[in-house]
């Protein structure tokens, strides 16, 4: 498997949190054996 990911943010010095959250979501999906689109349940 090959995965290429591009992260484009306006405040790049603070983008580490976004990357960590993305990794956590991917790990959660793998643990739950989910293969479809993951939708965020976070709302403002």
N, C-alpha and C. Protein backbone atom coordinates (compact mmCIF):
# COMPACT_ATOMS: atom_id res chain seq x y z
N UNK A 1 0.84 -1.15 0.00
CA UNK A 1 0.00 0.00 0.00
C UNK A 1 0.89 1.22 0.00
N UNK A 2 0.49 2.20 -0.75
CA UNK A 2 1.21 3.46 -0.79
C UNK A 2 0.21 4.57 -0.50
N UNK A 3 0.56 5.43 0.43
CA UNK A 3 -0.31 6.53 0.81
C UNK A 3 0.44 7.82 0.66
N UNK A 4 -0.14 8.73 -0.10
CA UNK A 4 0.43 10.06 -0.23
C UNK A 4 -0.57 11.04 0.35
N UNK A 5 -0.09 11.92 1.19
CA UNK A 5 -0.96 12.85 1.89
C UNK A 5 -0.39 14.24 1.76
N UNK A 6 -1.24 15.19 1.44
CA UNK A 6 -0.83 16.58 1.33
C UNK A 6 -1.66 17.38 2.31
N UNK A 7 -0.99 18.09 3.20
CA UNK A 7 -1.66 18.93 4.18
C UNK A 7 -1.35 20.37 3.85
N UNK A 8 -2.39 21.13 3.61
CA UNK A 8 -2.21 22.54 3.29
C UNK A 8 -3.04 23.35 4.29
N UNK A 9 -2.35 24.12 5.10
CA UNK A 9 -3.02 24.95 6.11
C UNK A 9 -2.45 26.36 6.04
N UNK A 10 -3.22 27.31 6.54
CA UNK A 10 -2.78 28.70 6.51
C UNK A 10 -1.79 29.00 7.63
N UNK A 11 -1.88 28.29 8.73
CA UNK A 11 -0.99 28.51 9.87
C UNK A 11 -0.10 27.28 10.06
N UNK A 12 0.84 27.08 9.16
CA UNK A 12 1.63 25.85 9.14
C UNK A 12 2.42 25.57 10.42
N UNK A 13 2.91 26.56 11.17
CA UNK A 13 3.62 26.21 12.40
C UNK A 13 2.73 25.51 13.43
N UNK A 14 1.42 25.71 13.34
CA UNK A 14 0.51 25.09 14.29
C UNK A 14 -0.21 23.87 13.71
N UNK A 15 0.28 23.34 12.62
CA UNK A 15 -0.41 22.23 11.95
C UNK A 15 -0.09 20.87 12.57
N UNK A 16 0.83 20.79 13.50
CA UNK A 16 1.19 19.51 14.11
C UNK A 16 -0.02 18.86 14.78
N UNK A 17 -0.87 19.65 15.41
CA UNK A 17 -2.07 19.11 16.05
C UNK A 17 -3.01 18.47 15.06
N UNK A 18 -3.12 19.06 13.88
CA UNK A 18 -3.97 18.51 12.83
C UNK A 18 -3.42 17.17 12.36
N UNK A 19 -2.11 17.08 12.21
CA UNK A 19 -1.48 15.83 11.79
C UNK A 19 -1.69 14.74 12.84
N UNK A 20 -1.52 15.08 14.10
CA UNK A 20 -1.71 14.10 15.18
C UNK A 20 -3.15 13.61 15.19
N UNK A 21 -4.12 14.51 15.03
CA UNK A 21 -5.53 14.10 15.00
C UNK A 21 -5.82 13.20 13.82
N UNK A 22 -5.21 13.47 12.68
CA UNK A 22 -5.39 12.64 11.49
C UNK A 22 -4.85 11.23 11.73
N UNK A 23 -3.69 11.13 12.33
CA UNK A 23 -3.10 9.82 12.64
C UNK A 23 -3.98 9.06 13.62
N UNK A 24 -4.50 9.76 14.62
CA UNK A 24 -5.39 9.11 15.59
C UNK A 24 -6.65 8.57 14.92
N UNK A 25 -7.23 9.35 14.01
CA UNK A 25 -8.43 8.90 13.30
C UNK A 25 -8.14 7.68 12.44
N UNK A 26 -7.00 7.67 11.77
CA UNK A 26 -6.63 6.52 10.94
C UNK A 26 -6.42 5.28 11.81
N UNK A 27 -5.78 5.43 12.94
CA UNK A 27 -5.56 4.30 13.84
C UNK A 27 -6.88 3.77 14.38
N UNK A 28 -7.79 4.67 14.72
CA UNK A 28 -9.10 4.27 15.20
C UNK A 28 -9.86 3.49 14.13
N UNK A 29 -9.79 3.96 12.89
CA UNK A 29 -10.45 3.27 11.79
C UNK A 29 -9.86 1.87 11.58
N UNK A 30 -8.54 1.76 11.68
CA UNK A 30 -7.90 0.45 11.54
C UNK A 30 -8.31 -0.49 12.66
N UNK A 31 -8.34 0.02 13.88
CA UNK A 31 -8.72 -0.81 15.03
C UNK A 31 -10.16 -1.30 14.91
N UNK A 32 -11.03 -0.48 14.35
CA UNK A 32 -12.45 -0.83 14.22
C UNK A 32 -12.76 -1.51 12.89
N UNK A 33 -11.71 -1.73 12.08
CA UNK A 33 -11.83 -2.37 10.76
C UNK A 33 -12.85 -1.64 9.88
N UNK A 34 -12.73 -0.33 9.84
CA UNK A 34 -13.62 0.49 9.02
C UNK A 34 -12.88 0.84 7.73
N UNK A 35 -13.57 0.71 6.61
CA UNK A 35 -12.94 1.00 5.34
C UNK A 35 -13.63 2.07 4.52
N UNK A 36 -14.68 2.65 5.09
CA UNK A 36 -15.41 3.67 4.33
C UNK A 36 -14.98 5.07 4.75
N UNK A 37 -15.67 6.04 4.25
CA UNK A 37 -15.37 7.43 4.58
C UNK A 37 -15.66 7.68 6.05
N UNK A 38 -14.74 8.35 6.72
CA UNK A 38 -14.93 8.69 8.12
C UNK A 38 -15.44 10.13 8.20
N UNK A 39 -16.58 10.30 8.83
CA UNK A 39 -17.14 11.64 8.98
C UNK A 39 -16.89 12.14 10.39
N UNK A 40 -16.56 13.41 10.49
CA UNK A 40 -16.31 14.01 11.79
C UNK A 40 -17.63 14.23 12.52
N UNK A 41 -17.61 14.01 13.82
CA UNK A 41 -18.81 14.28 14.62
C UNK A 41 -18.62 15.58 15.38
N UNK A 42 -17.52 16.27 15.12
CA UNK A 42 -17.23 17.53 15.78
C UNK A 42 -18.03 18.65 15.12
N UNK A 43 -18.77 19.38 15.92
CA UNK A 43 -19.52 20.52 15.40
C UNK A 43 -19.24 21.74 16.25
N UNK A 44 -19.33 22.88 15.65
CA UNK A 44 -19.12 24.13 16.39
C UNK A 44 -20.39 24.63 17.00
